[in-house]
Every structure is written in C-alpha cells, then in structure tokens.
Amino acid sequence: TSSGGRTSYSDSVKGRLTISRGNAKNTV
C-alpha cells in the first residue's frame, strides 16, 4: 500500500520474497 502498512504476495513467492518501502518512501 501507499503507506507501506499492508502487503500482499502471490502464493508462489510467499515466504521467500518481501516487499517494503524505504524510509523516504520514494523507493520500493
């Protein structure tokens, strides 16, 4: 999400890949 508060993953990558936003939120 835009706030970085929620994430969603496909089943094929869950547990192996992590999405996140940087502190400045200009990079994912």
PDB file of all heavy atoms in Angstrom:
ATOM      1  N   THR A   1       0.824  -1.196   0.000  1.00  0.00           N
ATOM      2  CA  THR A   1       0.000   0.000   0.000  1.00  0.00           C
ATOM      3  C   THR A   1       0.863   1.252   0.000  1.00  0.00           C
ATOM      4  O   THR A   1       2.058   1.220   0.284  1.00  0.00           O
ATOM      5  CB  THR A   1      -0.929   0.023   1.209  1.00  0.00           C
ATOM      6  OG1 THR A   1      -0.151  -0.075   2.413  1.00  0.00           O
ATOM      7  CG2 THR A   1      -1.917  -1.137   1.163  1.00  0.00           C
ATOM      8  N   SER A   2       0.232   2.379  -0.318  1.00  0.00           N
ATOM      9  CA  SER A   2       0.950   3.649  -0.365  1.00  0.00           C
ATOM     10  C   SER A   2       1.608   3.983   0.964  1.00  0.00           C
ATOM     11  O   SER A   2       2.681   4.589   0.995  1.00  0.00           O
ATOM     12  CB  SER A   2       0.012   4.774  -0.796  1.00  0.00           C
ATOM     13  OG  SER A   2      -1.098   4.874   0.084  1.00  0.00           O
ATOM     14  N   SER A   3       0.972   3.599   2.056  1.00  0.00           N
ATOM     15  CA  SER A   3       1.525   3.849   3.381  1.00  0.00           C
ATOM     16  C   SER A   3       2.581   2.830   3.786  1.00  0.00           C
ATOM     17  O   SER A   3       3.321   3.060   4.742  1.00  0.00           O
ATOM     18  CB  SER A   3       0.405   3.848   4.424  1.00  0.00           C
ATOM     19  OG  SER A   3      -0.155   2.559   4.561  1.00  0.00           O
ATOM     20  N   GLY A   4       2.636   1.734   3.084  1.00  0.00           N
ATOM     21  CA  GLY A   4       3.532   0.658   3.449  1.00  0.00           C
ATOM     22  C   GLY A   4       2.999  -0.237   4.543  1.00  0.00           C
ATOM     23  O   GLY A   4       3.704  -1.135   5.006  1.00  0.00           O
ATOM     24  N   GLY A   5       1.757  -0.017   4.943  1.00  0.00           N
ATOM     25  CA  GLY A   5       1.207  -0.734   6.072  1.00  0.00           C
ATOM     26  C   GLY A   5       0.686  -2.125   5.767  1.00  0.00           C
ATOM     27  O   GLY A   5       0.523  -2.935   6.684  1.00  0.00           O
ATOM     28  N   ARG A   6       0.382  -2.388   4.531  1.00  0.00           N
ATOM     29  CA  ARG A   6      -0.140  -3.689   4.145  1.00  0.00           C
ATOM     30  C   ARG A   6       0.603  -4.208   2.927  1.00  0.00           C
ATOM     31  O   ARG A   6       0.992  -3.439   2.055  1.00  0.00           O
ATOM     32  CB  ARG A   6      -1.633  -3.629   3.843  1.00  0.00           C
ATOM     33  CG  ARG A   6      -2.520  -3.376   5.053  1.00  0.00           C
ATOM     34  CD  ARG A   6      -3.968  -3.579   4.692  1.00  0.00           C
ATOM     35  NE  ARG A   6      -4.408  -2.623   3.683  1.00  0.00           N
ATOM     36  CZ  ARG A   6      -5.510  -2.759   2.958  1.00  0.00           C
ATOM     37  NH1 ARG A   6      -6.286  -3.822   3.123  1.00  0.00           N
ATOM     38  NH2 ARG A   6      -5.842  -1.835   2.072  1.00  0.00           N
ATOM     39  N   THR A   7       0.772  -5.511   2.883  1.00  0.00           N
ATOM     40  CA  THR A   7       1.431  -6.163   1.763  1.00  0.00           C
ATOM     41  C   THR A   7       0.626  -7.369   1.316  1.00  0.00           C
ATOM     42  O   THR A   7      -0.184  -7.913   2.065  1.00  0.00           O
ATOM     43  CB  THR A   7       2.854  -6.607   2.117  1.00  0.00           C
ATOM     44  OG1 THR A   7       2.820  -7.494   3.242  1.00  0.00           O
ATOM     45  CG2 THR A   7       3.729  -5.405   2.457  1.00  0.00           C
ATOM     46  N   SER A   8       0.869  -7.773   0.096  1.00  0.00           N
ATOM     47  CA  SER A   8       0.201  -8.930  -0.467  1.00  0.00           C
ATOM     48  C   SER A   8       1.187  -9.670  -1.363  1.00  0.00           C
ATOM     49  O   SER A   8       2.014  -9.045  -2.027  1.00  0.00           O
ATOM     50  CB  SER A   8      -1.034  -8.506  -1.264  1.00  0.00           C
ATOM     51  OG  SER A   8      -1.717  -9.628  -1.790  1.00  0.00           O
ATOM     52  N   TYR A   9       1.091 -10.995  -1.373  1.00  0.00           N
ATOM     53  CA  TYR A   9       2.014 -11.817  -2.142  1.00  0.00           C
ATOM     54  C   TYR A   9       1.279 -12.914  -2.882  1.00  0.00           C
ATOM     55  O   TYR A   9       0.240 -13.407  -2.427  1.00  0.00           O
ATOM     56  CB  TYR A   9       3.056 -12.473  -1.233  1.00  0.00           C
ATOM     57  CG  TYR A   9       3.909 -11.502  -0.459  1.00  0.00           C
ATOM     58  CD1 TYR A   9       3.533 -11.079   0.809  1.00  0.00           C
ATOM     59  CD2 TYR A   9       5.089 -11.011  -1.001  1.00  0.00           C
ATOM     60  CE1 TYR A   9       4.318 -10.186   1.519  1.00  0.00           C
ATOM     61  CE2 TYR A   9       5.872 -10.118  -0.290  1.00  0.00           C
ATOM     62  CZ  TYR A   9       5.481  -9.709   0.969  1.00  0.00           C
ATOM     63  OH  TYR A   9       6.260  -8.823   1.668  1.00  0.00           O
ATOM     64  N   SER A  10       1.841 -13.293  -4.010  1.00  0.00           N
ATOM     65  CA  SER A  10       1.349 -14.488  -4.669  1.00  0.00           C
ATOM     66  C   SER A  10       1.800 -15.709  -3.879  1.00  0.00           C
ATOM     67  O   SER A  10       2.816 -15.675  -3.175  1.00  0.00           O
ATOM     68  CB  SER A  10       1.860 -14.566  -6.108  1.00  0.00           C
ATOM     69  OG  SER A  10       3.260 -14.799  -6.137  1.00  0.00           O
ATOM     70  N   ASP A  11       1.055 -16.785  -4.000  1.00  0.00           N
ATOM     71  CA  ASP A  11       1.393 -17.993  -3.259  1.00  0.00           C
ATOM     72  C   ASP A  11       2.763 -18.541  -3.650  1.00  0.00           C
ATOM     73  O   ASP A  11       3.453 -19.145  -2.825  1.00  0.00           O
ATOM     74  CB  ASP A  11       0.329 -19.069  -3.480  1.00  0.00           C
ATOM     75  CG  ASP A  11      -0.986 -18.730  -2.813  1.00  0.00           C
ATOM     76  OD1 ASP A  11      -0.989 -17.913  -1.865  1.00  0.00           O
ATOM     77  OD2 ASP A  11      -2.016 -19.293  -3.232  1.00  0.00           O
ATOM     78  N   SER A  12       3.167 -18.322  -4.880  1.00  0.00           N
ATOM     79  CA  SER A  12       4.416 -18.891  -5.356  1.00  0.00           C
ATOM     80  C   SER A  12       5.650 -18.262  -4.725  1.00  0.00           C
ATOM     81  O   SER A  12       6.724 -18.874  -4.738  1.00  0.00           O
ATOM     82  CB  SER A  12       4.500 -18.783  -6.882  1.00  0.00           C
ATOM     83  OG  SER A  12       4.510 -17.432  -7.291  1.00  0.00           O
ATOM     84  N   VAL A  13       5.527 -17.062  -4.179  1.00  0.00           N
ATOM     85  CA  VAL A  13       6.680 -16.374  -3.621  1.00  0.00           C
ATOM     86  C   VAL A  13       6.554 -16.124  -2.131  1.00  0.00           C
ATOM     87  O   VAL A  13       7.517 -15.674  -1.499  1.00  0.00           O
ATOM     88  CB  VAL A  13       6.955 -15.041  -4.333  1.00  0.00           C
ATOM     89  CG1 VAL A  13       7.128 -15.262  -5.831  1.00  0.00           C
ATOM     90  CG2 VAL A  13       5.841 -14.037  -4.056  1.00  0.00           C
ATOM     91  N   LYS A  14       5.405 -16.395  -1.563  1.00  0.00           N
ATOM     92  CA  LYS A  14       5.171 -16.122  -0.150  1.00  0.00           C
ATOM     93  C   LYS A  14       6.195 -16.858   0.710  1.00  0.00           C
ATOM     94  O   LYS A  14       6.427 -18.052   0.534  1.00  0.00           O
ATOM     95  CB  LYS A  14       3.754 -16.526   0.225  1.00  0.00           C
ATOM     96  CG  LYS A  14       3.286 -16.012   1.578  1.00  0.00           C
ATOM     97  CD  LYS A  14       1.803 -16.326   1.790  1.00  0.00           C
ATOM     98  CE  LYS A  14       0.943 -15.675   0.719  1.00  0.00           C
ATOM     99  NZ  LYS A  14      -0.509 -15.967   0.921  1.00  0.00           N
ATOM    100  N   GLY A  15       6.814 -16.121   1.621  1.00  0.00           N
ATOM    101  CA  GLY A  15       7.826 -16.691   2.487  1.00  0.00           C
ATOM    102  C   GLY A  15       9.228 -16.562   1.955  1.00  0.00           C
ATOM    103  O   GLY A  15      10.190 -16.742   2.708  1.00  0.00           O
ATOM    104  N   ARG A  16       9.382 -16.249   0.675  1.00  0.00           N
ATOM    105  CA  ARG A  16      10.695 -16.105   0.062  1.00  0.00           C
ATOM    106  C   ARG A  16      10.992 -14.679  -0.362  1.00  0.00           C
ATOM    107  O   ARG A  16      12.156 -14.274  -0.390  1.00  0.00           O
ATOM    108  CB  ARG A  16      10.833 -17.031  -1.146  1.00  0.00           C
ATOM    109  CG  ARG A  16      10.672 -18.502  -0.823  1.00  0.00           C
ATOM    110  CD  ARG A  16      11.006 -19.384  -2.023  1.00  0.00           C
ATOM    111  NE  ARG A  16      10.121 -19.135  -3.152  1.00  0.00           N
ATOM    112  CZ  ARG A  16      10.507 -18.602  -4.307  1.00  0.00           C
ATOM    113  NH1 ARG A  16      11.772 -18.267  -4.491  1.00  0.00           N
ATOM    114  NH2 ARG A  16       9.626 -18.426  -5.284  1.00  0.00           N
ATOM    115  N   LEU A  17       9.959 -13.937  -0.701  1.00  0.00           N
ATOM    116  CA  LEU A  17      10.117 -12.566  -1.166  1.00  0.00           C
ATOM    117  C   LEU A  17       9.416 -11.614  -0.207  1.00  0.00           C
ATOM    118  O   LEU A  17       8.348 -11.928   0.325  1.00  0.00           O
ATOM    119  CB  LEU A  17       9.554 -12.394  -2.573  1.00  0.00           C
ATOM    120  CG  LEU A  17      10.456 -12.774  -3.750  1.00  0.00           C
ATOM    121  CD1 LEU A  17      10.818 -14.258  -3.728  1.00  0.00           C
ATOM    122  CD2 LEU A  17       9.777 -12.422  -5.061  1.00  0.00           C
ATOM    123  N   THR A  18      10.019 -10.453  -0.013  1.00  0.00           N
ATOM    124  CA  THR A  18       9.465  -9.447   0.879  1.00  0.00           C
ATOM    125  C   THR A  18       9.459  -8.094   0.186  1.00  0.00           C
ATOM    126  O   THR A  18      10.496  -7.640  -0.298  1.00  0.00           O
ATOM    127  CB  THR A  18      10.265  -9.353   2.183  1.00  0.00           C
ATOM    128  OG1 THR A  18      10.281 -10.620   2.841  1.00  0.00           O
ATOM    129  CG2 THR A  18       9.638  -8.321   3.115  1.00  0.00           C
ATOM    130  N   ILE A  19       8.304  -7.469   0.138  1.00  0.00           N
ATOM    131  CA  ILE A  19       8.184  -6.136  -0.434  1.00  0.00           C
ATOM    132  C   ILE A  19       8.165  -5.118   0.699  1.00  0.00           C
ATOM    133  O   ILE A  19       7.568  -5.347   1.750  1.00  0.00           O
ATOM    134  CB  ILE A  19       6.924  -6.025  -1.321  1.00  0.00           C
ATOM    135  CG1 ILE A  19       6.911  -4.708  -2.096  1.00  0.00           C
ATOM    136  CG2 ILE A  19       5.651  -6.202  -0.504  1.00  0.00           C
ATOM    137  CD1 ILE A  19       5.817  -4.641  -3.152  1.00  0.00           C
ATOM    138  N   SER A  20       8.812  -3.991   0.491  1.00  0.00           N
ATOM    139  CA  SER A  20       8.875  -2.971   1.522  1.00  0.00           C
ATOM    140  C   SER A  20       9.118  -1.612   0.893  1.00  0.00           C
ATOM    141  O   SER A  20       9.553  -1.504  -0.257  1.00  0.00           O
ATOM    142  CB  SER A  20       9.972  -3.277   2.544  1.00  0.00           C
ATOM    143  OG  SER A  20      11.249  -3.266   1.930  1.00  0.00           O
ATOM    144  N   ARG A  21       8.814  -0.568   1.653  1.00  0.00           N
ATOM    145  CA  ARG A  21       9.126   0.798   1.250  1.00  0.00           C
ATOM    146  C   ARG A  21      10.276   1.329   2.080  1.00  0.00           C
ATOM    147  O   ARG A  21      10.383   1.040   3.270  1.00  0.00           O
ATOM    148  CB  ARG A  21       7.911   1.707   1.421  1.00  0.00           C
ATOM    149  CG  ARG A  21       6.828   1.539   0.379  1.00  0.00           C
ATOM    150  CD  ARG A  21       5.734   2.577   0.582  1.00  0.00           C
ATOM    151  NE  ARG A  21       4.657   2.436  -0.388  1.00  0.00           N
ATOM    152  CZ  ARG A  21       4.556   3.115  -1.518  1.00  0.00           C
ATOM    153  NH1 ARG A  21       5.493   4.014  -1.835  1.00  0.00           N
ATOM    154  NH2 ARG A  21       3.535   2.915  -2.338  1.00  0.00           N
ATOM    155  N   GLY A  22      11.135   2.117   1.455  1.00  0.00           N
ATOM    156  CA  GLY A  22      12.195   2.775   2.176  1.00  0.00           C
ATOM    157  C   GLY A  22      11.643   3.835   3.106  1.00  0.00           C
ATOM    158  O   GLY A  22      10.474   4.209   3.036  1.00  0.00           O
ATOM    159  N   ASN A  23      12.514   4.325   3.991  1.00  0.00           N
ATOM    160  CA  ASN A  23      12.075   5.320   4.964  1.00  0.00           C
ATOM    161  C   ASN A  23      11.519   6.580   4.308  1.00  0.00           C
ATOM    162  O   ASN A  23      10.542   7.157   4.793  1.00  0.00           O
ATOM    163  CB  ASN A  23      13.232   5.684   5.896  1.00  0.00           C
ATOM    164  CG  ASN A  23      13.609   4.556   6.830  1.00  0.00           C
ATOM    165  OD1 ASN A  23      12.798   3.687   7.144  1.00  0.00           O
ATOM    166  ND2 ASN A  23      14.850   4.567   7.294  1.00  0.00           N
ATOM    167  N   ALA A  24      12.129   6.991   3.218  1.00  0.00           N
ATOM    168  CA  ALA A  24      11.658   8.167   2.494  1.00  0.00           C
ATOM    169  C   ALA A  24      10.477   7.857   1.591  1.00  0.00           C
ATOM    170  O   ALA A  24       9.877   8.760   1.030  1.00  0.00           O
ATOM    171  CB  ALA A  24      12.794   8.771   1.678  1.00  0.00           C
ATOM    172  N   LYS A  25      10.163   6.606   1.419  1.00  0.00           N
ATOM    173  CA  LYS A  25       9.034   6.115   0.636  1.00  0.00           C
ATOM    174  C   LYS A  25       9.103   6.509  -0.834  1.00  0.00           C
ATOM    175  O   LYS A  25       8.083   6.525  -1.516  1.00  0.00           O
ATOM    176  CB  LYS A  25       7.706   6.553   1.260  1.00  0.00           C
ATOM    177  CG  LYS A  25       7.483   6.026   2.662  1.00  0.00           C
ATOM    178  CD  LYS A  25       6.072   6.310   3.155  1.00  0.00           C
ATOM    179  CE  LYS A  25       5.896   5.876   4.599  1.00  0.00           C
ATOM    180  NZ  LYS A  25       6.153   4.422   4.785  1.00  0.00           N
ATOM    181  N   ASN A  26      10.295   6.814  -1.302  1.00  0.00           N
ATOM    182  CA  ASN A  26      10.481   7.054  -2.722  1.00  0.00           C
ATOM    183  C   ASN A  26      11.070   5.834  -3.426  1.00  0.00           C
ATOM    184  O   ASN A  26      11.311   5.878  -4.634  1.00  0.00           O
ATOM    185  CB  ASN A  26      11.372   8.268  -2.956  1.00  0.00           C
ATOM    186  CG  ASN A  26      12.771   8.087  -2.396  1.00  0.00           C
ATOM    187  OD1 ASN A  26      13.005   7.243  -1.534  1.00  0.00           O
ATOM    188  ND2 ASN A  26      13.706   8.888  -2.881  1.00  0.00           N
ATOM    189  N   THR A  27      11.286   4.787  -2.666  1.00  0.00           N
ATOM    190  CA  THR A  27      11.823   3.552  -3.206  1.00  0.00           C
ATOM    191  C   THR A  27      11.081   2.367  -2.614  1.00  0.00           C
ATOM    192  O   THR A  27      10.805   2.333  -1.419  1.00  0.00           O
ATOM    193  CB  THR A  27      13.327   3.408  -2.913  1.00  0.00           C
ATOM    194  OG1 THR A  27      14.032   4.546  -3.424  1.00  0.00           O
ATOM    195  CG2 THR A  27      13.885   2.153  -3.570  1.00  0.00           C
ATOM    196  N   VAL A  28      10.753   1.421  -3.454  1.00  0.00           N
ATOM    197  CA  VAL A  28      10.148   0.173  -3.018  1.00  0.00           C
ATOM    198  C   VAL A  28      11.116  -0.954  -3.332  1.00  0.00           C
ATOM    199  O   VAL A  28      11.702  -0.996  -4.418  1.00  0.00           O
ATOM    200  CB  VAL A  28       8.789  -0.068  -3.696  1.00  0.00           C
ATOM    201  CG1 VAL A  28       8.268  -1.469  -3.383  1.00  0.00           C
ATOM    202  CG2 VAL A  28       7.781   0.975  -3.224  1.00  0.00           C
TER     203      VAL A  28
END
